[in-house]
Amino acid sequence: MTTTTQDTPLVSEQQRAVEEELIETVVASFEHAPDARLKTVMQSLTRHLHAFVREVRLTEAEWSAGIEFLTAAGHITDDKRQEFILLSDVLGLSMQTIAVNNEAVGDATEATVFGPFFVEDAPEIPLGGDIAGGAKGQPCWIEGTVRDTSGRAVPGARIEVWEADEDGFYDVQYGDERVAGRAYLNADEQGNFTFWALTPTPYPIPHDGPVGRMLQAVRRSPVRASHLHFMVTAPGLRTLVTHIFVEGDPQIEIGDSVFGVKQSLIKRFEPQAPGAPTPDGRDLAGQDWARARFDIVLAPAAA
């Protein structure tokens, strides 16, 4: 006799019993883990992984290909490229984890993916400073405030910012130790901040490795919608990792390769004519530029 269930299509009762016995044996092997949370995670992971294998009736050749894929992801990962974060991103796992861990609180700014190119120890710039560091692109003036969900200013909030240049590359992708397109600054006593950046442009995530080959195999674009990364921290408030996206960018409609776009994070980047006066009097030598506003609201830290 064969049975068809959601996880075991066309499997005999005898075969089903063999498979379920193995699951319970593996689950039981974690029963004495001293950390209750670790026990929960490992037992749930075991059940879900086995359910996947049984649902698709994974072949040994497919299992081997999966191991080779993960091995290749490990080999290409280094201190400047994290292929496993990239994999998590393109599977939507990063965004799902973010959704679970950043519950909506009032009008708090929505979070989105961290991405694989954040680097510790970015240089500090003053208010009104320039994060570009020589990176190519259209200058863009960014201004805004940092407040909590009660509307109070958050003085001194640390604002980390990073982005790709107009060619679609982050500084760490060049391999010459440059530091460009990234910096941090602190909001003033009223929670205000201003800085110069580059107007974001669309670019592909790194697709010369196993994740890129997977996207090609399933006919998915590796291109990300234009964005500027932020990480904002302040005592007593939940750390915010987010982006802002460029209103009118066609890639938003086509689809962001890591599912990071949220409507509330799409901002108007107002184009400014060549020679138009800048807010801080900066001389751009007749170059055109843009400006955008991003008002940030931080949620309370979890109890």
C-alpha atoms as a PDB file:
ATOM      1  CA  MET A   1       0.000   0.000   0.000  1.00  0.00           C
ATOM      2  CA  THR A   2       1.230   3.518  -0.795  1.00  0.00           C
ATOM      3  CA  THR A   3       0.121   6.792   0.685  1.00  0.00           C
ATOM      4  CA  THR A   4       0.334  10.367  -0.528  1.00  0.00           C
ATOM      5  CA  THR A   5       0.828  13.090   2.042  1.00  0.00           C
ATOM      6  CA  GLN A   6       2.177  16.593   1.804  1.00  0.00           C
ATOM      7  CA  ASP A   7       5.685  15.508   2.780  1.00  0.00           C
ATOM      8  CA  THR A   8       5.789  11.925   1.458  1.00  0.00           C
ATOM      9  CA  PRO A   9       4.162  11.601  -2.001  1.00  0.00           C
ATOM     10  CA  LEU A  10       3.615   8.060  -3.261  1.00  0.00           C
ATOM     11  CA  VAL A  11       5.529   6.388  -0.460  1.00  0.00           C
ATOM     12  CA  SER A  12       4.649   3.000   0.957  1.00  0.00           C
ATOM     13  CA  GLU A  13       3.631   2.720   4.586  1.00  0.00           C
ATOM     14  CA  GLN A  14       6.744   0.644   5.238  1.00  0.00           C
ATOM     15  CA  GLN A  15       9.010   3.263   3.664  1.00  0.00           C
ATOM     16  CA  ARG A  16       7.223   6.062   5.457  1.00  0.00           C
ATOM     17  CA  ALA A  17       7.782   4.312   8.794  1.00  0.00           C
ATOM     18  CA  VAL A  18      11.515   3.959   8.069  1.00  0.00           C
ATOM     19  CA  GLU A  19      11.854   7.647   7.261  1.00  0.00           C
ATOM     20  CA  GLU A  20       9.857   8.812  10.277  1.00  0.00           C
ATOM     21  CA  GLU A  21      11.815   6.556  12.617  1.00  0.00           C
ATOM     22  CA  LEU A  22      15.045   8.192  11.445  1.00  0.00           C
ATOM     23  CA  ILE A  23      13.627  11.669  12.048  1.00  0.00           C
ATOM     24  CA  GLU A  24      12.612  10.815  15.593  1.00  0.00           C
ATOM     25  CA  THR A  25      16.010   9.226  16.288  1.00  0.00           C
ATOM     26  CA  VAL A  26      17.874  12.347  15.131  1.00  0.00           C
ATOM     27  CA  VAL A  27      15.502  14.670  16.990  1.00  0.00           C
ATOM     28  CA  ALA A  28      15.965  12.634  20.167  1.00  0.00           C
ATOM     29  CA  SER A  29      19.759  12.940  19.865  1.00  0.00           C
ATOM     30  CA  PHE A  30      19.449  16.612  20.853  1.00  0.00           C
ATOM     31  CA  GLU A  31      17.218  15.900  23.845  1.00  0.00           C
ATOM     32  CA  HIS A  32      19.937  16.390  26.448  1.00  0.00           C
ATOM     33  CA  ALA A  33      21.347  19.653  25.119  1.00  0.00           C
ATOM     34  CA  PRO A  34      21.957  21.832  28.221  1.00  0.00           C
ATOM     35  CA  ASP A  35      20.835  24.979  26.396  1.00  0.00           C
ATOM     36  CA  ALA A  36      17.055  24.855  25.939  1.00  0.00           C
ATOM     37  CA  ARG A  37      17.062  27.316  23.055  1.00  0.00           C
ATOM     38  CA  LEU A  38      19.761  25.360  21.211  1.00  0.00           C
ATOM     39  CA  LYS A  39      17.743  22.183  21.698  1.00  0.00           C
ATOM     40  CA  THR A  40      14.622  23.841  20.250  1.00  0.00           C
ATOM     41  CA  VAL A  41      16.478  25.238  17.236  1.00  0.00           C
ATOM     42  CA  MET A  42      18.299  21.996  16.406  1.00  0.00           C
ATOM     43  CA  GLN A  43      15.241  19.793  16.761  1.00  0.00           C
ATOM     44  CA  SER A  44      13.107  22.110  14.637  1.00  0.00           C
ATOM     45  CA  LEU A  45      15.864  22.427  12.030  1.00  0.00           C
ATOM     46  CA  THR A  46      16.129  18.635  11.861  1.00  0.00           C
ATOM     47  CA  ARG A  47      12.400  18.215  11.295  1.00  0.00           C
ATOM     48  CA  HIS A  48      12.289  20.895   8.587  1.00  0.00           C
ATOM     49  CA  LEU A  49      15.353  19.604   6.745  1.00  0.00           C
ATOM     50  CA  HIS A  50      14.042  16.048   6.728  1.00  0.00           C
ATOM     51  CA  ALA A  51      10.613  17.289   5.628  1.00  0.00           C
ATOM     52  CA  PHE A  52      12.248  19.057   2.672  1.00  0.00           C
ATOM     53  CA  VAL A  53      14.158  15.933   1.643  1.00  0.00           C
ATOM     54  CA  ARG A  54      11.000  13.842   1.856  1.00  0.00           C
ATOM     55  CA  GLU A  55       8.762  16.359   0.084  1.00  0.00           C
ATOM     56  CA  VAL A  56      10.963  16.686  -3.005  1.00  0.00           C
ATOM     57  CA  ARG A  57      12.316  13.091  -2.746  1.00  0.00           C
ATOM     58  CA  LEU A  58      15.839  14.455  -2.943  1.00  0.00           C
ATOM     59  CA  THR A  59      18.185  12.308  -5.011  1.00  0.00           C
ATOM     60  CA  GLU A  60      21.701  11.462  -3.892  1.00  0.00           C
ATOM     61  CA  ALA A  61      23.067  13.365  -6.906  1.00  0.00           C
ATOM     62  CA  GLU A  62      21.074  16.451  -5.859  1.00  0.00           C
ATOM     63  CA  TRP A  63      22.292  16.094  -2.276  1.00  0.00           C
ATOM     64  CA  SER A  64      25.871  15.896  -3.545  1.00  0.00           C
ATOM     65  CA  ALA A  65      25.340  18.980  -5.724  1.00  0.00           C
ATOM     66  CA  GLY A  66      24.031  20.832  -2.683  1.00  0.00           C
ATOM     67  CA  ILE A  67      27.117  19.923  -0.666  1.00  0.00           C
ATOM     68  CA  GLU A  68      29.346  21.084  -3.543  1.00  0.00           C
ATOM     69  CA  PHE A  69      27.383  24.362  -3.719  1.00  0.00           C
ATOM     70  CA  LEU A  70      27.868  25.049   0.000  1.00  0.00           C
ATOM     71  CA  THR A  71      31.536  24.089  -0.220  1.00  0.00           C
ATOM     72  CA  ALA A  72      32.026  26.560  -3.079  1.00  0.00           C
ATOM     73  CA  ALA A  73      30.249  29.248  -1.047  1.00  0.00           C
ATOM     74  CA  GLY A  74      32.694  28.619   1.787  1.00  0.00           C
ATOM     75  CA  HIS A  75      35.726  28.782  -0.478  1.00  0.00           C
ATOM     76  CA  ILE A  76      34.766  32.145  -1.998  1.00  0.00           C
ATOM     77  CA  THR A  77      33.944  33.703   1.393  1.00  0.00           C
ATOM     78  CA  ASP A  78      36.628  35.819   3.032  1.00  0.00           C
ATOM     79  CA  ASP A  79      36.846  38.829   5.338  1.00  0.00           C
ATOM     80  CA  LYS A  80      35.485  41.105   2.591  1.00  0.00           C
ATOM     81  CA  ARG A  81      32.926  38.864   0.886  1.00  0.00           C
ATOM     82  CA  GLN A  82      30.279  36.817   2.654  1.00  0.00           C
ATOM     83  CA  GLU A  83      28.687  34.404   0.171  1.00  0.00           C
ATOM     84  CA  PHE A  84      26.462  32.857   2.839  1.00  0.00           C
ATOM     85  CA  ILE A  85      24.873  36.237   3.624  1.00  0.00           C
ATOM     86  CA  LEU A  86      24.373  36.643  -0.125  1.00  0.00           C
ATOM     87  CA  LEU A  87      22.684  33.243  -0.275  1.00  0.00           C
ATOM     88  CA  SER A  88      20.475  34.114   2.683  1.00  0.00           C
ATOM     89  CA  ASP A  89      19.572  37.388   0.976  1.00  0.00           C
ATOM     90  CA  VAL A  90      18.533  35.923  -2.394  1.00  0.00           C
ATOM     91  CA  LEU A  91      16.438  33.230  -0.701  1.00  0.00           C
ATOM     92  CA  GLY A  92      14.529  35.895   1.243  1.00  0.00           C
ATOM     93  CA  LEU A  93      15.752  34.335   4.484  1.00  0.00           C
ATOM     94  CA  SER A  94      17.490  37.537   5.560  1.00  0.00           C
ATOM     95  CA  MET A  95      14.332  39.588   5.101  1.00  0.00           C
ATOM     96  CA  GLN A  96      12.214  36.984   6.905  1.00  0.00           C
ATOM     97  CA  THR A  97      14.617  36.983   9.862  1.00  0.00           C
ATOM     98  CA  ILE A  98      14.509  40.782   9.897  1.00  0.00           C
ATOM     99  CA  ALA A  99      10.699  40.719   9.855  1.00  0.00           C
ATOM    100  CA  VAL A 100      10.600  38.314  12.806  1.00  0.00           C
ATOM    101  CA  ASN A 101      13.090  40.353  14.845  1.00  0.00           C
ATOM    102  CA  ASN A 102      11.831  43.856  14.052  1.00  0.00           C
ATOM    103  CA  GLU A 103       8.170  43.874  14.948  1.00  0.00           C
ATOM    104  CA  ALA A 104       6.277  47.003  13.993  1.00  0.00           C
ATOM    105  CA  VAL A 105       6.230  49.598  16.800  1.00  0.00           C
ATOM    106  CA  GLY A 106       4.294  52.779  16.142  1.00  0.00           C
ATOM    107  CA  ASP A 107       5.851  54.698  13.282  1.00  0.00           C
ATOM    108  CA  ALA A 108       9.337  53.212  13.729  1.00  0.00           C
ATOM    109  CA  THR A 109      11.358  53.121  10.515  1.00  0.00           C
ATOM    110  CA  GLU A 110      11.220  49.733   8.825  1.00  0.00           C
ATOM    111  CA  ALA A 111      14.314  47.559   8.723  1.00  0.00           C
ATOM    112  CA  THR A 112      15.774  45.775   5.727  1.00  0.00           C
ATOM    113  CA  VAL A 113      18.766  43.613   4.822  1.00  0.00           C
ATOM    114  CA  PHE A 114      22.244  44.205   6.205  1.00  0.00           C
ATOM    115  CA  GLY A 115      23.990  43.080   3.032  1.00  0.00           C
ATOM    116  CA  PRO A 116      27.453  41.518   2.696  1.00  0.00           C
ATOM    117  CA  PHE A 117      29.543  44.710   2.441  1.00  0.00           C
ATOM    118  CA  PHE A 118      29.367  46.370   5.841  1.00  0.00           C
ATOM    119  CA  VAL A 119      32.852  46.924   7.277  1.00  0.00           C
ATOM    120  CA  GLU A 120      33.762  47.819  10.853  1.00  0.00           C
ATOM    121  CA  ASP A 121      35.911  50.871  11.602  1.00  0.00           C
ATOM    122  CA  ALA A 122      34.572  53.163   8.879  1.00  0.00           C
ATOM    123  CA  PRO A 123      35.968  56.708   9.168  1.00  0.00           C
ATOM    124  CA  GLU A 124      34.110  59.367  11.121  1.00  0.00           C
ATOM    125  CA  ILE A 125      32.894  62.479   9.313  1.00  0.00           C
ATOM    126  CA  PRO A 126      31.446  65.664  10.804  1.00  0.00           C
ATOM    127  CA  LEU A 127      27.893  66.768  10.163  1.00  0.00           C
ATOM    128  CA  GLY A 128      27.792  67.942   6.570  1.00  0.00           C
ATOM    129  CA  GLY A 129      30.810  65.789   5.685  1.00  0.00           C
ATOM    130  CA  ASP A 130      31.199  63.608   2.610  1.00  0.00           C
ATOM    131  CA  ILE A 131      31.146  59.801   2.748  1.00  0.00           C
ATOM    132  CA  ALA A 132      32.247  59.445  -0.890  1.00  0.00           C
ATOM    133  CA  GLY A 133      35.966  59.448  -0.173  1.00  0.00           C
ATOM    134  CA  GLY A 134      36.750  59.829  -3.844  1.00  0.00           C
ATOM    135  CA  ALA A 135      34.197  57.286  -5.117  1.00  0.00           C
ATOM    136  CA  LYS A 136      32.653  58.161  -8.468  1.00  0.00           C
ATOM    137  CA  GLY A 137      29.058  59.321  -8.764  1.00  0.00           C
ATOM    138  CA  GLN A 138      26.624  62.211  -8.619  1.00  0.00           C
ATOM    139  CA  PRO A 139      26.906  64.126  -5.306  1.00  0.00           C
ATOM    140  CA  CYS A 140      23.802  63.918  -3.158  1.00  0.00           C
ATOM    141  CA  TRP A 141      22.925  65.912  -0.043  1.00  0.00           C
ATOM    142  CA  ILE A 142      21.160  63.811   2.608  1.00  0.00           C
ATOM    143  CA  GLU A 143      19.404  65.389   5.577  1.00  0.00           C
ATOM    144  CA  GLY A 144      17.053  64.202   8.255  1.00  0.00           C
ATOM    145  CA  THR A 145      16.348  63.682  11.925  1.00  0.00           C
ATOM    146  CA  VAL A 146      16.578  60.817  14.380  1.00  0.00           C
ATOM    147  CA  ARG A 147      13.675  60.541  16.822  1.00  0.00           C
ATOM    148  CA  ASP A 148      12.065  57.861  18.977  1.00  0.00           C
ATOM    149  CA  THR A 149       8.478  56.654  18.647  1.00  0.00           C
ATOM    150  CA  SER A 150       7.350  59.308  21.145  1.00  0.00           C
ATOM    151  CA  GLY A 151       8.693  62.034  18.877  1.00  0.00           C
ATOM    152  CA  ARG A 152      11.648  62.934  21.070  1.00  0.00           C
ATOM    153  CA  ALA A 153      14.937  63.804  19.406  1.00  0.00           C
ATOM    154  CA  VAL A 154      17.769  61.295  19.796  1.00  0.00           C
ATOM    155  CA  PRO A 155      20.875  63.431  20.294  1.00  0.00           C
ATOM    156  CA  GLY A 156      24.193  61.880  19.337  1.00  0.00           C
ATOM    157  CA  ALA A 157      22.675  58.873  17.541  1.00  0.00           C
ATOM    158  CA  ARG A 158      25.420  57.078  15.621  1.00  0.00           C
ATOM    159  CA  ILE A 159      24.629  56.834  11.920  1.00  0.00           C
ATOM    160  CA  GLU A 160      26.696  54.405   9.825  1.00  0.00           C
ATOM    161  CA  VAL A 161      26.273  54.879   6.068  1.00  0.00           C
ATOM    162  CA  TRP A 162      27.676  52.881   3.154  1.00  0.00           C
ATOM    163  CA  GLU A 163      26.983  52.480  -0.564  1.00  0.00           C
ATOM    164  CA  ALA A 164      28.327  51.405  -3.949  1.00  0.00           C
ATOM    165  CA  ASP A 165      29.843  53.841  -6.445  1.00  0.00           C
ATOM    166  CA  GLU A 166      28.268  54.690  -9.808  1.00  0.00           C
ATOM    167  CA  ASP A 167      29.899  51.585 -11.336  1.00  0.00           C
ATOM    168  CA  GLY A 168      28.096  49.383  -8.826  1.00  0.00           C
ATOM    169  CA  PHE A 169      31.086  48.440  -6.664  1.00  0.00           C
ATOM    170  CA  TYR A 170      31.726  48.840  -2.948  1.00  0.00           C
ATOM    171  CA  ASP A 171      35.202  49.886  -1.877  1.00  0.00           C
ATOM    172  CA  VAL A 172      36.067  46.409  -0.574  1.00  0.00           C
ATOM    173  CA  GLN A 173      35.428  44.909  -4.007  1.00  0.00           C
ATOM    174  CA  TYR A 174      38.382  46.756  -5.524  1.00  0.00           C
ATOM    175  CA  GLY A 175      41.014  44.929  -3.503  1.00  0.00           C
ATOM    176  CA  ASP A 176      43.324  47.933  -3.123  1.00  0.00           C
ATOM    177  CA  GLU A 177      42.492  48.811   0.496  1.00  0.00           C
ATOM    178  CA  ARG A 178      40.649  52.015  -0.461  1.00  0.00           C
ATOM    179  CA  VAL A 179      37.990  53.318   1.933  1.00  0.00           C
ATOM    180  CA  ALA A 180      35.264  55.070  -0.019  1.00  0.00           C
ATOM    181  CA  GLY A 181      31.490  55.301   0.032  1.00  0.00           C
ATOM    182  CA  ARG A 182      31.294  54.626   3.754  1.00  0.00           C
ATOM    183  CA  ALA A 183      31.567  56.590   7.002  1.00  0.00           C
ATOM    184  CA  TYR A 184      29.774  57.291  10.253  1.00  0.00           C
ATOM    185  CA  LEU A 185      28.554  60.483  11.869  1.00  0.00           C
ATOM    186  CA  ASN A 186      26.585  61.486  14.936  1.00  0.00           C
ATOM    187  CA  ALA A 187      23.320  63.393  15.057  1.00  0.00           C
ATOM    188  CA  ASP A 188      23.423  66.775  16.776  1.00  0.00           C
ATOM    189  CA  GLU A 189      21.703  67.707  20.055  1.00  0.00           C
ATOM    190  CA  GLN A 190      18.372  68.098  18.248  1.00  0.00           C
ATOM    191  CA  GLY A 191      18.710  64.749  16.481  1.00  0.00           C
ATOM    192  CA  ASN A 192      19.467  66.371  13.124  1.00  0.00           C
ATOM    193  CA  PHE A 193      21.998  65.021  10.636  1.00  0.00           C
ATOM    194  CA  THR A 194      23.344  66.044   7.244  1.00  0.00           C
ATOM    195  CA  PHE A 195      25.988  64.589   4.952  1.00  0.00           C
ATOM    196  CA  TRP A 196      27.062  64.284   1.351  1.00  0.00           C
ATOM    197  CA  ALA A 197      26.856  60.911  -0.377  1.00  0.00           C
ATOM    198  CA  LEU A 198      26.389  59.685  -3.940  1.00  0.00           C
ATOM    199  CA  THR A 199      23.020  59.339  -5.626  1.00  0.00           C
ATOM    200  CA  PRO A 200      22.436  55.568  -5.547  1.00  0.00           C
ATOM    201  CA  THR A 201      22.301  53.600  -8.812  1.00  0.00           C
ATOM    202  CA  PRO A 202      21.221  49.995  -9.519  1.00  0.00           C
ATOM    203  CA  TYR A 203      23.936  47.354  -9.471  1.00  0.00           C
ATOM    204  CA  PRO A 204      24.208  43.564  -9.492  1.00  0.00           C
ATOM    205  CA  ILE A 205      25.094  41.674  -6.365  1.00  0.00           C
ATOM    206  CA  PRO A 206      28.308  39.660  -6.818  1.00  0.00           C
ATOM    207  CA  HIS A 207      27.302  36.964  -9.282  1.00  0.00           C
ATOM    208  CA  ASP A 208      30.634  35.394 -10.173  1.00  0.00           C
ATOM    209  CA  GLY A 209      30.266  32.710  -7.503  1.00  0.00           C
ATOM    210  CA  PRO A 210      27.882  29.901  -6.586  1.00  0.00           C
ATOM    211  CA  VAL A 211      24.998  32.230  -5.685  1.00  0.00           C
ATOM    212  CA  GLY A 212      25.301  33.948  -9.056  1.00  0.00           C
ATOM    213  CA  ARG A 213      25.303  30.596 -10.852  1.00  0.00           C
ATOM    214  CA  MET A 214      22.186  29.587  -8.950  1.00  0.00           C
ATOM    215  CA  LEU A 215      20.404  32.798  -9.974  1.00  0.00           C
ATOM    216  CA  GLN A 216      21.398  32.233 -13.598  1.00  0.00           C
ATOM    217  CA  ALA A 217      20.107  28.657 -13.473  1.00  0.00           C
ATOM    218  CA  VAL A 218      16.662  29.816 -12.333  1.00  0.00           C
ATOM    219  CA  ARG A 219      16.635  32.886 -14.627  1.00  0.00           C
ATOM    220  CA  ARG A 220      16.611  35.449 -11.854  1.00  0.00           C
ATOM    221  CA  SER A 221      18.230  38.865 -12.136  1.00  0.00           C
ATOM    222  CA  PRO A 222      21.086  39.627  -9.718  1.00  0.00           C
ATOM    223  CA  VAL A 223      20.367  43.380  -9.865  1.00  0.00           C
ATOM    224  CA  ARG A 224      19.532  45.335  -6.725  1.00  0.00           C
ATOM    225  CA  ALA A 225      17.362  48.441  -6.712  1.00  0.00           C
ATOM    226  CA  SER A 226      19.294  51.686  -6.101  1.00  0.00           C
ATOM    227  CA  HIS A 227      19.856  52.162  -2.371  1.00  0.00           C
ATOM    228  CA  LEU A 228      21.882  53.755   0.402  1.00  0.00           C
ATOM    229  CA  HIS A 229      22.612  51.707   3.551  1.00  0.00           C
ATOM    230  CA  PHE A 230      22.063  52.975   7.102  1.00  0.00           C
ATOM    231  CA  MET A 231      22.721  51.489  10.524  1.00  0.00           C
ATOM    232  CA  VAL A 232      21.550  53.692  13.385  1.00  0.00           C
ATOM    233  CA  THR A 233      22.299  53.047  17.045  1.00  0.00           C
ATOM    234  CA  ALA A 234      21.505  54.847  20.288  1.00  0.00           C
ATOM    235  CA  PRO A 235      21.340  53.755  23.954  1.00  0.00           C
ATOM    236  CA  GLY A 236      17.987  52.295  24.989  1.00  0.00           C
ATOM    237  CA  LEU A 237      16.716  52.049  21.423  1.00  0.00           C
ATOM    238  CA  ARG A 238      16.567  49.182  18.941  1.00  0.00           C
ATOM    239  CA  THR A 239      19.395  49.176  16.412  1.00  0.00           C
ATOM    240  CA  LEU A 240      18.042  49.977  12.971  1.00  0.00           C
ATOM    241  CA  VAL A 241      19.551  48.471   9.832  1.00  0.00           C
ATOM    242  CA  THR A 242      17.849  49.793   6.742  1.00  0.00           C
ATOM    243  CA  HIS A 243      18.211  51.385   3.294  1.00  0.00           C
ATOM    244  CA  ILE A 244      16.571  54.187   1.421  1.00  0.00           C
ATOM    245  CA  PHE A 245      15.607  53.567  -2.193  1.00  0.00           C
ATOM    246  CA  VAL A 246      15.289  55.956  -5.130  1.00  0.00           C
ATOM    247  CA  GLU A 247      11.782  56.882  -6.190  1.00  0.00           C
ATOM    248  CA  GLY A 248      11.278  56.188  -9.887  1.00  0.00           C
ATOM    249  CA  ASP A 249      14.014  53.550 -10.148  1.00  0.00           C
ATOM    250  CA  PRO A 250      12.678  50.995 -12.699  1.00  0.00           C
ATOM    251  CA  GLN A 251      14.404  48.182 -10.822  1.00  0.00           C
ATOM    252  CA  ILE A 252      11.908  48.579  -7.978  1.00  0.00           C
ATOM    253  CA  GLU A 253       9.157  47.371 -10.308  1.00  0.00           C
ATOM    254  CA  ILE A 254      11.328  44.700 -11.931  1.00  0.00           C
ATOM    255  CA  GLY A 255      12.264  43.329  -8.534  1.00  0.00           C
ATOM    256  CA  ASP A 256      15.077  43.731  -6.014  1.00  0.00           C
ATOM    257  CA  SER A 257      17.267  40.616  -6.029  1.00  0.00           C
ATOM    258  CA  VAL A 258      17.275  40.366  -2.221  1.00  0.00           C
ATOM    259  CA  PHE A 259      13.632  41.438  -1.611  1.00  0.00           C
ATOM    260  CA  GLY A 260      14.732  44.443   0.431  1.00  0.00           C
ATOM    261  CA  VAL A 261      12.430  47.181  -0.915  1.00  0.00           C
ATOM    262  CA  LYS A 262       9.678  48.502   1.335  1.00  0.00           C
ATOM    263  CA  GLN A 263       7.319  51.248   0.243  1.00  0.00           C
ATOM    264  CA  SER A 264       8.064  53.394   3.284  1.00  0.00           C
ATOM    265  CA  LEU A 265      11.768  53.413   2.401  1.00  0.00           C
ATOM    266  CA  ILE A 266      11.356  54.767  -1.141  1.00  0.00           C
ATOM    267  CA  LYS A 267      12.436  58.407  -1.067  1.00  0.00           C
ATOM    268  CA  ARG A 268      12.427  61.272  -3.535  1.00  0.00           C
ATOM    269  CA  PHE A 269      15.928  62.184  -4.691  1.00  0.00           C
ATOM    270  CA  GLU A 270      15.359  65.689  -6.034  1.00  0.00           C
ATOM    271  CA  PRO A 271      17.621  66.459  -9.014  1.00  0.00           C
ATOM    272  CA  GLN A 272      19.408  69.804  -8.844  1.00  0.00           C
ATOM    273  CA  ALA A 273      20.613  71.676 -11.888  1.00  0.00           C
ATOM    274  CA  PRO A 274      24.343  72.228 -12.508  1.00  0.00           C
ATOM    275  CA  GLY A 275      25.445  75.290 -10.571  1.00  0.00           C
ATOM    276  CA  ALA A 276      22.414  75.292  -8.237  1.00  0.00           C
ATOM    277  CA  PRO A 277      23.430  76.554  -4.766  1.00  0.00           C
ATOM    278  CA  THR A 278      24.142  73.775  -2.277  1.00  0.00           C
ATOM    279  CA  PRO A 279      22.746  73.798   1.295  1.00  0.00           C
ATOM    280  CA  ASP A 280      26.198  74.212   2.819  1.00  0.00           C
ATOM    281  CA  GLY A 281      27.777  76.390   0.136  1.00  0.00           C
ATOM    282  CA  ARG A 282      29.878  73.563  -1.282  1.00  0.00           C
ATOM    283  CA  ASP A 283      31.353  74.365  -4.672  1.00  0.00           C
ATOM    284  CA  LEU A 284      30.592  71.486  -7.042  1.00  0.00           C
ATOM    285  CA  ALA A 285      32.275  73.187  -9.999  1.00  0.00           C
ATOM    286  CA  GLY A 286      29.074  73.310 -12.000  1.00  0.00           C
ATOM    287  CA  GLN A 287      28.237  69.641 -11.504  1.00  0.00           C
ATOM    288  CA  ASP A 288      24.623  68.547 -11.177  1.00  0.00           C
ATOM    289  CA  TRP A 289      23.608  67.005  -7.847  1.00  0.00           C
ATOM    290  CA  ALA A 290      20.615  65.701  -5.921  1.00  0.00           C
ATOM    291  CA  ARG A 291      19.132  65.956  -2.458  1.00  0.00           C
ATOM    292  CA  ALA A 292      16.962  63.676  -0.338  1.00  0.00           C
ATOM    293  CA  ARG A 293      15.430  63.642   3.134  1.00  0.00           C
ATOM    294  CA  PHE A 294      15.250  60.660   5.457  1.00  0.00           C
ATOM    295  CA  ASP A 295      13.651  61.107   8.863  1.00  0.00           C
ATOM    296  CA  ILE A 296      14.480  58.135  11.074  1.00  0.00           C
ATOM    297  CA  VAL A 297      12.332  56.821  13.933  1.00  0.00           C
ATOM    298  CA  LEU A 298      13.921  54.305  16.314  1.00  0.00           C
ATOM    299  CA  ALA A 299      11.872  51.735  18.219  1.00  0.00           C
ATOM    300  CA  PRO A 300      12.468  51.063  21.932  1.00  0.00           C
ATOM    301  CA  ALA A 301      14.977  48.327  22.725  1.00  0.00           C
ATOM    302  CA  ALA A 302      13.453  44.968  23.562  1.00  0.00           C
ATOM    303  CA  ALA A 303      12.825  44.459  27.249  1.00  0.00           C
END
